[in-house]
Amino acid sequence: MLMKITTKFVVGAVLAAAALTAIPAQADEGPFEIRLRAVYLDFAQKSDAIPVLGLPKDQIEVNKKTIPDIDLEYFFTKNISTELVLTYPQSQTVSVKGVGDLGTFKHLPPTLTAKWNFIPDGFFRPYVGVGVNLTFISNVNLKVPAAISPTEADIPLDLSSTSVGFAGQIGADFKIVDHWFANIDVKYVQLGSDVKAGGATVTKVHLDPWLIGAGVGYRF
């Protein structure tokens, strides 16, 4: 619901931009922009069934959370730019509905997009972007608890070490004063992993998060 409301707001703002009077850009704004954002991770919570455990699909959940990110943008022209989004490794908790926690893992999800900036000289500067996400998964500490294990003992689990997928975004910068901007941004990222036990894949999770962010930027 939060994702739908935020997306509708951003789309509405983009359409409203046509009615705004453009403010001339400063000649010395520069081709670089750096932003700091707070980003809410809203995971899709989809997973394949696990027959060996008698679990139907979509029973595995990963906790939703707000994380910091920093992004670096370079403008090749007024309209065309590229953005690299970074953060530090994030710890997530994995659970099974009605059972409890399976443990934790960390992921580092750098994302690179190519962007089209619709009104590059305006107070309101909407954009869209497409690109790729490369997620590194580490520090996996997961196990099937004895309560649902067919062996009646804990079973260690592992995850794929990387995930590569499509990334898309829509958002806008709002010029505050020379060089400084407020920013809103919504991204969709394809992110999945095989879940393994004893080296064999037992299921696959499809996290595919929406990343809903707001922050500030400085152009130089």
N, C-alpha and C. Protein backbone atom coordinates (compact mmCIF):
# COMPACT_ATOMS: atom_id res chain seq x y z
N MET A 1 0.82 -1.20 0.00
CA MET A 1 0.00 0.00 0.00
C MET A 1 0.86 1.26 0.00
N LEU A 2 1.92 1.27 0.87
CA LEU A 2 2.81 2.43 0.93
C LEU A 2 3.48 2.65 -0.41
N MET A 3 3.92 1.56 -1.06
CA MET A 3 4.57 1.67 -2.37
C MET A 3 3.62 2.27 -3.38
N LYS A 4 2.33 1.83 -3.41
CA LYS A 4 1.36 2.32 -4.38
C LYS A 4 1.09 3.82 -4.17
N ILE A 5 0.94 4.23 -2.91
CA ILE A 5 0.66 5.64 -2.62
C ILE A 5 1.84 6.50 -3.05
N THR A 6 3.07 6.06 -2.72
CA THR A 6 4.26 6.84 -3.06
C THR A 6 4.44 6.93 -4.56
N THR A 7 4.24 5.81 -5.26
CA THR A 7 4.39 5.81 -6.71
C THR A 7 3.38 6.74 -7.37
N LYS A 8 2.12 6.70 -6.90
CA LYS A 8 1.10 7.59 -7.45
C LYS A 8 1.47 9.05 -7.22
N PHE A 9 2.05 9.35 -6.05
CA PHE A 9 2.44 10.72 -5.75
C PHE A 9 3.52 11.20 -6.71
N VAL A 10 4.54 10.35 -6.94
CA VAL A 10 5.63 10.73 -7.82
C VAL A 10 5.14 10.91 -9.25
N VAL A 11 4.29 9.97 -9.73
CA VAL A 11 3.75 10.08 -11.09
C VAL A 11 2.92 11.34 -11.23
N GLY A 12 2.10 11.64 -10.22
CA GLY A 12 1.29 12.85 -10.26
C GLY A 12 2.14 14.10 -10.30
N ALA A 13 3.25 14.07 -9.55
CA ALA A 13 4.14 15.21 -9.53
C ALA A 13 4.80 15.42 -10.89
N VAL A 14 5.16 14.31 -11.54
CA VAL A 14 5.77 14.41 -12.88
C VAL A 14 4.80 15.05 -13.87
N LEU A 15 3.52 14.64 -13.82
CA LEU A 15 2.52 15.22 -14.72
C LEU A 15 2.29 16.69 -14.41
N ALA A 16 2.33 17.04 -13.12
CA ALA A 16 2.09 18.44 -12.74
C ALA A 16 3.23 19.35 -13.15
N ALA A 17 4.39 18.77 -13.41
CA ALA A 17 5.56 19.58 -13.74
C ALA A 17 5.36 20.39 -15.02
N ALA A 18 4.50 19.92 -15.90
CA ALA A 18 4.26 20.64 -17.14
C ALA A 18 3.67 22.02 -16.90
N ALA A 19 3.03 22.21 -15.74
CA ALA A 19 2.40 23.49 -15.43
C ALA A 19 3.34 24.44 -14.70
N LEU A 20 4.53 23.98 -14.37
CA LEU A 20 5.47 24.81 -13.62
C LEU A 20 6.31 25.64 -14.58
N THR A 21 6.68 26.84 -14.16
CA THR A 21 7.56 27.69 -14.95
C THR A 21 8.99 27.33 -14.65
N ALA A 22 9.77 27.06 -15.67
CA ALA A 22 11.16 26.66 -15.46
C ALA A 22 11.96 27.82 -14.91
N ILE A 23 12.87 27.49 -13.98
CA ILE A 23 13.80 28.47 -13.42
C ILE A 23 15.13 28.28 -14.11
N PRO A 24 15.76 29.32 -14.65
CA PRO A 24 17.01 29.13 -15.36
C PRO A 24 18.06 28.46 -14.49
N ALA A 25 18.79 27.53 -15.07
CA ALA A 25 19.84 26.83 -14.32
C ALA A 25 21.04 27.74 -14.13
N GLN A 26 21.75 27.54 -13.05
CA GLN A 26 22.97 28.27 -12.82
C GLN A 26 24.07 27.67 -13.68
N ALA A 27 24.88 28.52 -14.27
CA ALA A 27 25.92 28.05 -15.17
C ALA A 27 26.94 27.17 -14.47
N ASP A 28 27.09 27.37 -13.17
CA ASP A 28 28.14 26.66 -12.43
C ASP A 28 27.59 25.49 -11.61
N GLU A 29 26.41 24.96 -11.96
CA GLU A 29 25.87 23.83 -11.20
C GLU A 29 26.78 22.62 -11.26
N GLY A 30 27.42 22.40 -12.39
CA GLY A 30 28.36 21.30 -12.52
C GLY A 30 27.72 20.00 -12.94
N PRO A 31 28.53 19.00 -13.38
CA PRO A 31 28.00 17.74 -13.89
C PRO A 31 27.81 16.65 -12.84
N PHE A 32 28.24 16.88 -11.61
CA PHE A 32 28.16 15.86 -10.56
C PHE A 32 27.08 16.22 -9.54
N GLU A 33 26.43 15.17 -9.03
CA GLU A 33 25.51 15.36 -7.90
C GLU A 33 25.69 14.20 -6.93
N ILE A 34 25.73 14.54 -5.65
CA ILE A 34 25.83 13.51 -4.61
C ILE A 34 24.61 13.66 -3.70
N ARG A 35 24.01 12.53 -3.34
CA ARG A 35 22.80 12.56 -2.50
C ARG A 35 22.95 11.63 -1.31
N LEU A 36 22.28 12.02 -0.23
CA LEU A 36 22.11 11.16 0.93
C LEU A 36 20.62 10.94 1.10
N ARG A 37 20.21 9.65 1.25
CA ARG A 37 18.78 9.36 1.35
C ARG A 37 18.52 8.35 2.47
N ALA A 38 17.33 8.43 3.03
CA ALA A 38 16.78 7.35 3.87
C ALA A 38 15.86 6.55 2.96
N VAL A 39 16.06 5.22 2.93
CA VAL A 39 15.34 4.37 1.98
C VAL A 39 14.63 3.24 2.74
N TYR A 40 13.35 3.09 2.46
CA TYR A 40 12.56 2.01 3.05
C TYR A 40 12.55 0.82 2.10
N LEU A 41 13.01 -0.35 2.57
CA LEU A 41 13.03 -1.58 1.80
C LEU A 41 11.71 -2.33 2.02
N ASP A 42 10.93 -2.48 0.97
CA ASP A 42 9.65 -3.18 1.04
C ASP A 42 9.75 -4.43 0.17
N PHE A 43 10.05 -5.59 0.78
CA PHE A 43 10.29 -6.82 0.05
C PHE A 43 8.99 -7.46 -0.43
N ALA A 44 9.08 -8.19 -1.57
CA ALA A 44 7.92 -8.85 -2.15
C ALA A 44 7.46 -10.05 -1.34
N GLN A 45 8.36 -10.68 -0.57
CA GLN A 45 8.03 -11.83 0.28
C GLN A 45 7.45 -12.99 -0.52
N LYS A 46 8.10 -13.32 -1.63
CA LYS A 46 7.67 -14.47 -2.43
C LYS A 46 8.74 -15.55 -2.40
N SER A 47 8.31 -16.79 -2.30
CA SER A 47 9.24 -17.92 -2.31
C SER A 47 8.54 -19.14 -2.87
N ASP A 48 9.34 -20.05 -3.44
CA ASP A 48 8.79 -21.30 -3.94
C ASP A 48 8.43 -22.22 -2.77
N ALA A 49 7.60 -23.19 -3.04
CA ALA A 49 7.24 -24.17 -2.01
C ALA A 49 8.47 -25.00 -1.63
N ILE A 50 8.44 -25.56 -0.40
CA ILE A 50 9.52 -26.43 0.07
C ILE A 50 8.89 -27.77 0.42
N PRO A 51 8.76 -28.67 -0.56
CA PRO A 51 8.08 -29.96 -0.32
C PRO A 51 8.71 -30.77 0.80
N VAL A 52 10.05 -30.75 0.90
CA VAL A 52 10.71 -31.58 1.90
C VAL A 52 10.33 -31.17 3.32
N LEU A 53 9.91 -29.90 3.48
CA LEU A 53 9.48 -29.43 4.80
C LEU A 53 7.96 -29.31 4.89
N GLY A 54 7.28 -29.62 3.81
CA GLY A 54 5.83 -29.52 3.81
C GLY A 54 5.33 -28.09 3.85
N LEU A 55 6.13 -27.15 3.32
CA LEU A 55 5.75 -25.74 3.34
C LEU A 55 5.27 -25.30 1.97
N PRO A 56 4.11 -24.63 1.87
CA PRO A 56 3.64 -24.10 0.59
C PRO A 56 4.46 -22.87 0.19
N LYS A 57 4.18 -22.32 -0.98
CA LYS A 57 4.92 -21.16 -1.45
C LYS A 57 4.61 -19.92 -0.59
N ASP A 58 5.50 -18.96 -0.68
CA ASP A 58 5.36 -17.65 -0.03
C ASP A 58 5.31 -17.73 1.50
N GLN A 59 6.01 -18.69 2.07
CA GLN A 59 6.05 -18.80 3.52
C GLN A 59 7.29 -18.18 4.14
N ILE A 60 8.29 -17.89 3.32
CA ILE A 60 9.53 -17.28 3.82
C ILE A 60 9.41 -15.76 3.76
N GLU A 61 9.80 -15.10 4.84
CA GLU A 61 9.73 -13.64 4.91
C GLU A 61 11.08 -13.06 5.32
N VAL A 62 11.39 -11.88 4.78
CA VAL A 62 12.59 -11.12 5.16
C VAL A 62 12.11 -9.79 5.72
N ASN A 63 12.69 -9.38 6.85
CA ASN A 63 12.19 -8.17 7.51
C ASN A 63 12.36 -6.92 6.65
N LYS A 64 11.37 -6.05 6.71
CA LYS A 64 11.43 -4.75 6.03
C LYS A 64 12.11 -3.76 6.97
N LYS A 65 12.83 -2.79 6.40
CA LYS A 65 13.56 -1.86 7.23
C LYS A 65 13.91 -0.60 6.45
N THR A 66 14.32 0.43 7.18
CA THR A 66 14.80 1.68 6.58
C THR A 66 16.32 1.72 6.68
N ILE A 67 16.98 2.01 5.56
CA ILE A 67 18.43 2.03 5.52
C ILE A 67 18.92 3.35 4.94
N PRO A 68 20.18 3.74 5.19
CA PRO A 68 20.76 4.91 4.53
C PRO A 68 21.36 4.51 3.18
N ASP A 69 21.36 5.44 2.23
CA ASP A 69 22.14 5.19 1.02
C ASP A 69 22.78 6.48 0.55
N ILE A 70 23.83 6.33 -0.23
CA ILE A 70 24.51 7.46 -0.85
C ILE A 70 24.55 7.18 -2.34
N ASP A 71 24.25 8.18 -3.16
CA ASP A 71 24.35 7.94 -4.59
C ASP A 71 25.14 9.06 -5.26
N LEU A 72 25.84 8.66 -6.30
CA LEU A 72 26.67 9.56 -7.08
C LEU A 72 26.11 9.61 -8.50
N GLU A 73 25.87 10.82 -9.02
CA GLU A 73 25.30 10.97 -10.34
C GLU A 73 26.20 11.84 -11.20
N TYR A 74 26.34 11.45 -12.47
CA TYR A 74 27.11 12.25 -13.42
C TYR A 74 26.22 12.58 -14.62
N PHE A 75 26.17 13.86 -14.99
CA PHE A 75 25.35 14.33 -16.11
C PHE A 75 26.22 14.44 -17.36
N PHE A 76 25.94 13.56 -18.35
CA PHE A 76 26.64 13.65 -19.62
C PHE A 76 26.13 14.83 -20.43
N THR A 77 24.81 15.04 -20.38
CA THR A 77 24.16 16.21 -20.96
C THR A 77 23.14 16.69 -19.93
N LYS A 78 22.38 17.74 -20.26
CA LYS A 78 21.35 18.20 -19.33
C LYS A 78 20.32 17.12 -19.04
N ASN A 79 20.01 16.30 -20.06
CA ASN A 79 18.94 15.32 -19.92
C ASN A 79 19.42 13.92 -19.57
N ILE A 80 20.65 13.58 -19.93
CA ILE A 80 21.13 12.20 -19.77
C ILE A 80 22.19 12.13 -18.67
N SER A 81 21.97 11.19 -17.74
CA SER A 81 22.91 11.03 -16.63
C SER A 81 22.97 9.56 -16.23
N THR A 82 23.91 9.25 -15.37
CA THR A 82 24.00 7.91 -14.80
C THR A 82 24.16 8.02 -13.29
N GLU A 83 23.56 7.08 -12.57
CA GLU A 83 23.54 7.15 -11.11
C GLU A 83 24.01 5.82 -10.52
N LEU A 84 24.92 5.90 -9.56
CA LEU A 84 25.40 4.74 -8.83
C LEU A 84 24.94 4.86 -7.39
N VAL A 85 24.19 3.86 -6.91
CA VAL A 85 23.64 3.88 -5.55
C VAL A 85 24.41 2.89 -4.69
N LEU A 86 24.85 3.36 -3.53
CA LEU A 86 25.65 2.54 -2.63
C LEU A 86 25.12 2.62 -1.20
N THR A 87 25.43 1.60 -0.42
CA THR A 87 25.19 1.61 1.02
C THR A 87 26.22 0.67 1.63
N TYR A 88 26.13 0.42 2.92
CA TYR A 88 27.01 -0.56 3.54
C TYR A 88 26.24 -1.87 3.70
N PRO A 89 26.92 -3.02 3.93
CA PRO A 89 26.20 -4.30 4.03
C PRO A 89 25.08 -4.25 5.08
N GLN A 90 23.90 -4.67 4.66
CA GLN A 90 22.72 -4.62 5.52
C GLN A 90 22.38 -6.00 6.06
N SER A 91 22.08 -6.07 7.35
CA SER A 91 21.70 -7.33 7.99
C SER A 91 20.19 -7.50 7.94
N GLN A 92 19.74 -8.69 7.55
CA GLN A 92 18.31 -8.99 7.44
C GLN A 92 18.00 -10.26 8.22
N THR A 93 16.78 -10.30 8.76
CA THR A 93 16.30 -11.48 9.48
C THR A 93 15.32 -12.25 8.60
N VAL A 94 15.49 -13.57 8.54
CA VAL A 94 14.63 -14.43 7.74
C VAL A 94 13.75 -15.25 8.67
N SER A 95 12.48 -15.36 8.34
CA SER A 95 11.56 -16.14 9.17
C SER A 95 10.61 -16.94 8.30
N VAL A 96 9.94 -17.91 8.90
CA VAL A 96 8.90 -18.69 8.23
C VAL A 96 7.59 -18.42 8.95
N LYS A 97 6.54 -18.12 8.20
CA LYS A 97 5.25 -17.81 8.78
C LYS A 97 4.79 -18.94 9.71
N GLY A 98 4.39 -18.57 10.92
CA GLY A 98 3.87 -19.53 11.87
C GLY A 98 4.90 -20.41 12.52
N VAL A 99 6.19 -20.23 12.16
CA VAL A 99 7.25 -21.07 12.73
C VAL A 99 8.22 -20.24 13.56
N GLY A 100 8.73 -19.17 12.96
CA GLY A 100 9.69 -18.33 13.67
C GLY A 100 10.91 -18.04 12.82
N ASP A 101 11.95 -17.48 13.44
CA ASP A 101 13.14 -17.05 12.73
C ASP A 101 13.99 -18.23 12.26
N LEU A 102 14.54 -18.07 11.05
CA LEU A 102 15.52 -19.03 10.54
C LEU A 102 16.95 -18.54 10.76
N GLY A 103 17.11 -17.22 10.96
CA GLY A 103 18.44 -16.66 11.16
C GLY A 103 18.60 -15.37 10.40
N THR A 104 19.86 -15.05 10.05
CA THR A 104 20.17 -13.76 9.43
C THR A 104 21.14 -13.94 8.26
N PHE A 105 21.22 -12.89 7.44
CA PHE A 105 22.25 -12.79 6.40
C PHE A 105 22.49 -11.31 6.14
N LYS A 106 23.59 -11.01 5.43
CA LYS A 106 23.88 -9.63 5.04
C LYS A 106 23.89 -9.53 3.52
N HIS A 107 23.52 -8.34 3.03
CA HIS A 107 23.56 -8.12 1.58
C HIS A 107 24.07 -6.71 1.30
N LEU A 108 24.83 -6.59 0.21
CA LEU A 108 25.34 -5.30 -0.26
C LEU A 108 24.82 -5.12 -1.68
N PRO A 109 23.91 -4.14 -1.91
CA PRO A 109 23.19 -4.08 -3.20
C PRO A 109 23.50 -2.87 -4.07
N PRO A 110 24.74 -2.68 -4.56
CA PRO A 110 24.98 -1.53 -5.45
C PRO A 110 24.11 -1.60 -6.70
N THR A 111 23.63 -0.42 -7.12
CA THR A 111 22.73 -0.34 -8.27
C THR A 111 23.19 0.77 -9.21
N LEU A 112 23.25 0.47 -10.50
CA LEU A 112 23.67 1.45 -11.50
C LEU A 112 22.53 1.65 -12.50
N THR A 113 22.14 2.91 -12.72
CA THR A 113 21.05 3.21 -13.67
C THR A 113 21.47 4.30 -14.64
N ALA A 114 20.85 4.27 -15.81
CA ALA A 114 20.93 5.37 -16.78
C ALA A 114 19.61 6.13 -16.69
N LYS A 115 19.70 7.47 -16.63
CA LYS A 115 18.52 8.28 -16.32
C LYS A 115 18.22 9.30 -17.43
N TRP A 116 16.92 9.56 -17.58
CA TRP A 116 16.46 10.65 -18.45
C TRP A 116 15.83 11.70 -17.56
N ASN A 117 16.35 12.93 -17.63
CA ASN A 117 15.88 14.05 -16.81
C ASN A 117 15.00 14.95 -17.67
N PHE A 118 13.71 15.02 -17.31
CA PHE A 118 12.73 15.67 -18.18
C PHE A 118 12.86 17.19 -18.22
N ILE A 119 13.06 17.83 -17.07
CA ILE A 119 13.09 19.29 -16.99
C ILE A 119 14.38 19.68 -16.26
N PRO A 120 15.52 19.60 -16.94
CA PRO A 120 16.80 19.75 -16.25
C PRO A 120 17.08 21.14 -15.71
N ASP A 121 16.35 22.16 -16.20
CA ASP A 121 16.60 23.53 -15.73
C ASP A 121 15.51 24.05 -14.79
N GLY A 122 14.59 23.19 -14.38
CA GLY A 122 13.48 23.66 -13.58
C GLY A 122 13.71 23.61 -12.08
N PHE A 123 12.78 24.20 -11.35
CA PHE A 123 12.74 24.02 -9.89
C PHE A 123 12.41 22.57 -9.58
N PHE A 124 11.48 22.01 -10.36
CA PHE A 124 11.05 20.61 -10.22
C PHE A 124 11.68 19.81 -11.36
N ARG A 125 12.50 18.80 -11.03
CA ARG A 125 13.28 18.09 -12.03
C ARG A 125 13.00 16.58 -11.98
N PRO A 126 11.94 16.13 -12.61
CA PRO A 126 11.58 14.71 -12.59
C PRO A 126 12.50 13.88 -13.50
N TYR A 127 12.59 12.59 -13.20
CA TYR A 127 13.42 11.70 -14.00
C TYR A 127 12.90 10.27 -13.93
N VAL A 128 13.33 9.47 -14.91
CA VAL A 128 13.13 8.02 -14.87
C VAL A 128 14.48 7.38 -15.19
N GLY A 129 14.65 6.13 -14.75
CA GLY A 129 15.91 5.46 -15.01
C GLY A 129 15.73 3.95 -15.09
N VAL A 130 16.64 3.29 -15.81
CA VAL A 130 16.68 1.83 -15.87
C VAL A 130 18.13 1.41 -15.75
N GLY A 131 18.34 0.22 -15.19
CA GLY A 131 19.71 -0.24 -15.03
C GLY A 131 19.77 -1.64 -14.46
N VAL A 132 20.80 -1.88 -13.66
CA VAL A 132 21.06 -3.22 -13.15
C VAL A 132 21.45 -3.15 -11.67
N ASN A 133 21.02 -4.16 -10.94
CA ASN A 133 21.40 -4.31 -9.54
C ASN A 133 22.27 -5.55 -9.39
N LEU A 134 23.37 -5.40 -8.65
CA LEU A 134 24.25 -6.53 -8.33
C LEU A 134 24.32 -6.62 -6.81
N THR A 135 23.72 -7.66 -6.24
CA THR A 135 23.67 -7.83 -4.79
C THR A 135 24.65 -8.92 -4.37
N PHE A 136 25.49 -8.58 -3.39
CA PHE A 136 26.42 -9.54 -2.81
C PHE A 136 25.86 -10.01 -1.47
N ILE A 137 25.74 -11.33 -1.29
CA ILE A 137 25.17 -11.91 -0.08
C ILE A 137 26.29 -12.57 0.73
N SER A 138 26.34 -12.26 2.03
CA SER A 138 27.41 -12.78 2.87
C SER A 138 26.89 -13.01 4.29
N ASN A 139 27.78 -13.51 5.15
CA ASN A 139 27.47 -13.72 6.57
C ASN A 139 26.14 -14.46 6.77
N VAL A 140 25.97 -15.53 6.00
CA VAL A 140 24.72 -16.30 6.09
C VAL A 140 24.75 -17.16 7.35
N ASN A 141 23.76 -16.96 8.19
CA ASN A 141 23.63 -17.72 9.44
C ASN A 141 22.18 -18.19 9.57
N LEU A 142 21.84 -19.19 8.75
CA LEU A 142 20.46 -19.66 8.66
C LEU A 142 20.40 -21.16 8.95
N LYS A 143 19.27 -21.59 9.48
CA LYS A 143 19.07 -23.03 9.71
C LYS A 143 17.58 -23.34 9.81
N VAL A 144 17.22 -24.53 9.38
CA VAL A 144 15.86 -25.03 9.60
C VAL A 144 15.78 -25.53 11.03
N PRO A 145 14.89 -24.99 11.86
CA PRO A 145 14.81 -25.43 13.25
C PRO A 145 14.30 -26.87 13.36
N ALA A 146 14.71 -27.53 14.42
CA ALA A 146 14.33 -28.93 14.63
C ALA A 146 12.82 -29.12 14.63
N ALA A 147 12.07 -28.06 15.00
CA ALA A 147 10.61 -28.17 15.09
C ALA A 147 9.97 -28.52 13.77
N ILE A 148 10.58 -28.13 12.64
CA ILE A 148 9.99 -28.43 11.34
C ILE A 148 10.95 -29.26 10.48
N SER A 149 12.07 -29.66 11.02
CA SER A 149 13.06 -30.43 10.27
C SER A 149 12.63 -31.89 10.15
N PRO A 150 12.76 -32.49 8.95
CA PRO A 150 12.41 -33.91 8.80
C PRO A 150 13.36 -34.83 9.56
N THR A 151 14.55 -34.31 9.91
CA THR A 151 15.53 -35.11 10.66
C THR A 151 15.41 -34.88 12.17
N GLU A 152 14.46 -33.99 12.55
CA GLU A 152 14.27 -33.62 13.96
C GLU A 152 15.55 -33.04 14.56
N ALA A 153 16.35 -32.40 13.73
CA ALA A 153 17.56 -31.70 14.16
C ALA A 153 17.72 -30.46 13.29
N ASP A 154 18.43 -29.46 13.80
CA ASP A 154 18.67 -28.25 13.02
C ASP A 154 19.41 -28.59 11.73
N ILE A 155 18.99 -27.95 10.61
CA ILE A 155 19.64 -28.15 9.32
C ILE A 155 20.21 -26.81 8.85
N PRO A 156 21.54 -26.68 8.73
CA PRO A 156 22.14 -25.43 8.24
C PRO A 156 21.70 -25.12 6.81
N LEU A 157 21.47 -23.84 6.54
CA LEU A 157 21.08 -23.39 5.20
C LEU A 157 22.12 -22.41 4.66
N ASP A 158 22.17 -22.32 3.34
CA ASP A 158 23.06 -21.36 2.68
C ASP A 158 22.28 -20.64 1.59
N LEU A 159 22.83 -19.51 1.11
CA LEU A 159 22.21 -18.72 0.05
C LEU A 159 23.21 -18.52 -1.08
N SER A 160 22.69 -18.24 -2.28
CA SER A 160 23.57 -17.86 -3.39
C SER A 160 24.38 -16.63 -2.98
N SER A 161 25.61 -16.55 -3.46
CA SER A 161 26.49 -15.45 -3.03
C SER A 161 26.20 -14.15 -3.76
N THR A 162 25.57 -14.21 -4.94
CA THR A 162 25.27 -12.99 -5.71
C THR A 162 23.89 -13.09 -6.36
N SER A 163 23.36 -11.92 -6.69
CA SER A 163 22.11 -11.83 -7.44
C SER A 163 22.24 -10.66 -8.41
N VAL A 164 21.90 -10.89 -9.68
CA VAL A 164 21.94 -9.84 -10.70
C VAL A 164 20.53 -9.69 -11.27
N GLY A 165 20.04 -8.46 -11.33
CA GLY A 165 18.69 -8.27 -11.82
C GLY A 165 18.42 -6.86 -12.32
N PHE A 166 17.28 -6.68 -12.96
CA PHE A 166 16.82 -5.39 -13.49
C PHE A 166 16.56 -4.41 -12.35
N ALA A 167 16.82 -3.13 -12.62
CA ALA A 167 16.47 -2.05 -11.69
C ALA A 167 15.79 -0.94 -12.48
N GLY A 168 14.70 -0.41 -11.93
CA GLY A 168 14.02 0.72 -12.54
C GLY A 168 13.73 1.77 -11.49
N GLN A 169 13.64 3.02 -11.89
CA GLN A 169 13.40 4.08 -10.91
C GLN A 169 12.59 5.22 -11.51
N ILE A 170 11.94 5.98 -10.63
CA ILE A 170 11.26 7.22 -10.97
C ILE A 170 11.40 8.13 -9.76
N GLY A 171 11.60 9.41 -10.02
CA GLY A 171 11.77 10.32 -8.89
C GLY A 171 11.91 11.75 -9.36
N ALA A 172 12.36 12.61 -8.46
CA ALA A 172 12.50 14.03 -8.79
C ALA A 172 13.42 14.72 -7.80
N ASP A 173 14.15 15.71 -8.32
CA ASP A 173 14.87 16.67 -7.49
C ASP A 173 14.06 17.96 -7.42
N PHE A 174 14.11 18.62 -6.27
CA PHE A 174 13.46 19.92 -6.08
C PHE A 174 14.55 20.91 -5.66
N LYS A 175 14.77 21.93 -6.48
CA LYS A 175 15.84 22.87 -6.19
C LYS A 175 15.48 23.73 -4.99
N ILE A 176 16.37 23.74 -3.99
CA ILE A 176 16.15 24.53 -2.77
C ILE A 176 16.84 25.89 -2.93
N VAL A 177 18.15 25.87 -3.08
CA VAL A 177 18.97 27.04 -3.38
C VAL A 177 20.04 26.56 -4.35
N ASP A 178 20.92 27.46 -4.78
CA ASP A 178 21.98 27.07 -5.71
C ASP A 178 22.72 25.85 -5.20
N HIS A 179 22.81 24.84 -6.05
CA HIS A 179 23.54 23.59 -5.80
C HIS A 179 22.80 22.59 -4.91
N TRP A 180 21.83 23.01 -4.11
CA TRP A 180 21.18 22.12 -3.14
C TRP A 180 19.78 21.71 -3.60
N PHE A 181 19.45 20.41 -3.39
CA PHE A 181 18.19 19.87 -3.85
C PHE A 181 17.59 18.94 -2.78
N ALA A 182 16.25 18.93 -2.71
CA ALA A 182 15.54 17.86 -2.01
C ALA A 182 15.23 16.79 -3.05
N ASN A 183 15.12 15.54 -2.61
CA ASN A 183 14.94 14.44 -3.56
C ASN A 183 13.94 13.42 -3.04
N ILE A 184 13.10 12.91 -3.94
CA ILE A 184 12.28 11.74 -3.68
C ILE A 184 12.56 10.73 -4.79
N ASP A 185 12.54 9.44 -4.45
CA ASP A 185 12.97 8.44 -5.40
C ASP A 185 12.32 7.10 -5.07
N VAL A 186 11.82 6.42 -6.10
CA VAL A 186 11.26 5.08 -5.94
C VAL A 186 11.94 4.14 -6.93
N LYS A 187 12.49 3.05 -6.43
CA LYS A 187 13.14 2.06 -7.29
C LYS A 187 12.48 0.69 -7.10
N TYR A 188 12.53 -0.10 -8.19
CA TYR A 188 12.15 -1.51 -8.13
C TYR A 188 13.37 -2.31 -8.55
N VAL A 189 13.71 -3.33 -7.76
CA VAL A 189 14.91 -4.12 -8.01
C VAL A 189 14.56 -5.60 -8.03
N GLN A 190 15.02 -6.30 -9.04
CA GLN A 190 14.87 -7.76 -9.06
C GLN A 190 15.99 -8.38 -8.23
N LEU A 191 15.61 -9.11 -7.19
CA LEU A 191 16.58 -9.70 -6.27
C LEU A 191 16.08 -11.06 -5.83
N GLY A 192 16.85 -12.11 -6.07
CA GLY A 192 16.45 -13.45 -5.69
C GLY A 192 17.65 -14.28 -5.28
N SER A 193 17.39 -15.41 -4.64
CA SER A 193 18.48 -16.28 -4.21
C SER A 193 18.00 -17.71 -4.07
N ASP A 194 18.88 -18.64 -4.41
CA ASP A 194 18.61 -20.05 -4.12
C ASP A 194 18.90 -20.31 -2.65
N VAL A 195 18.04 -21.08 -2.02
CA VAL A 195 18.25 -21.51 -0.63
C VAL A 195 18.73 -22.96 -0.67
N LYS A 196 19.88 -23.23 -0.06
CA LYS A 196 20.50 -24.54 -0.18
C LYS A 196 20.68 -25.22 1.18
N ALA A 197 20.60 -26.53 1.16
CA ALA A 197 20.87 -27.35 2.34
C ALA A 197 21.74 -28.51 1.90
N GLY A 198 22.92 -28.64 2.49
CA GLY A 198 23.84 -29.70 2.09
C GLY A 198 24.28 -29.59 0.65
N GLY A 199 24.32 -28.37 0.12
CA GLY A 199 24.73 -28.15 -1.26
C GLY A 199 23.63 -28.28 -2.28
N ALA A 200 22.45 -28.75 -1.90
CA ALA A 200 21.32 -28.92 -2.82
C ALA A 200 20.31 -27.79 -2.62
N THR A 201 19.77 -27.28 -3.72
CA THR A 201 18.78 -26.21 -3.65
C THR A 201 17.44 -26.78 -3.18
N VAL A 202 16.89 -26.20 -2.11
CA VAL A 202 15.62 -26.67 -1.58
C VAL A 202 14.47 -25.72 -1.93
N THR A 203 14.79 -24.46 -2.22
CA THR A 203 13.77 -23.51 -2.65
C THR A 203 14.46 -22.27 -3.20
N LYS A 204 13.67 -21.35 -3.71
CA LYS A 204 14.19 -20.08 -4.20
C LYS A 204 13.32 -18.96 -3.66
N VAL A 205 13.95 -17.90 -3.16
CA VAL A 205 13.21 -16.74 -2.67
C VAL A 205 13.30 -15.62 -3.70
N HIS A 206 12.20 -14.88 -3.83
CA HIS A 206 12.11 -13.77 -4.78
C HIS A 206 11.81 -12.51 -3.96
N LEU A 207 12.86 -11.79 -3.56
CA LEU A 207 12.67 -10.65 -2.67
C LEU A 207 12.16 -9.41 -3.41
N ASP A 208 12.70 -9.15 -4.60
CA ASP A 208 12.24 -8.09 -5.52
C ASP A 208 11.72 -6.85 -4.77
N PRO A 209 12.58 -6.14 -4.05
CA PRO A 209 12.09 -5.04 -3.22
C PRO A 209 11.76 -3.76 -3.98
N TRP A 210 10.83 -3.01 -3.43
CA TRP A 210 10.65 -1.60 -3.75
C TRP A 210 11.48 -0.80 -2.75
N LEU A 211 12.21 0.20 -3.25
CA LEU A 211 13.03 1.06 -2.40
C LEU A 211 12.47 2.47 -2.48
N ILE A 212 11.88 2.93 -1.40
CA ILE A 212 11.18 4.22 -1.37
C ILE A 212 12.01 5.18 -0.54
N GLY A 213 12.58 6.20 -1.20
CA GLY A 213 13.56 7.05 -0.53
C GLY A 213 13.27 8.53 -0.60
N ALA A 214 13.87 9.26 0.35
CA ALA A 214 13.81 10.73 0.38
C ALA A 214 15.11 11.22 0.98
N GLY A 215 15.60 12.36 0.47
CA GLY A 215 16.85 12.87 1.01
C GLY A 215 17.21 14.21 0.41
N VAL A 216 18.51 14.53 0.46
CA VAL A 216 19.02 15.81 -0.06
C VAL A 216 20.19 15.53 -1.00
N GLY A 217 20.41 16.47 -1.93
CA GLY A 217 21.50 16.33 -2.88
C GLY A 217 22.25 17.64 -3.05
N TYR A 218 23.51 17.52 -3.47
CA TYR A 218 24.35 18.69 -3.74
C TYR A 218 24.99 18.50 -5.11
N ARG A 219 24.83 19.49 -5.98
CA ARG A 219 25.37 19.41 -7.34
C ARG A 219 26.58 20.32 -7.47
N PHE A 220 27.62 19.80 -8.12
CA PHE A 220 28.86 20.57 -8.22
C PHE A 220 29.61 20.23 -9.52
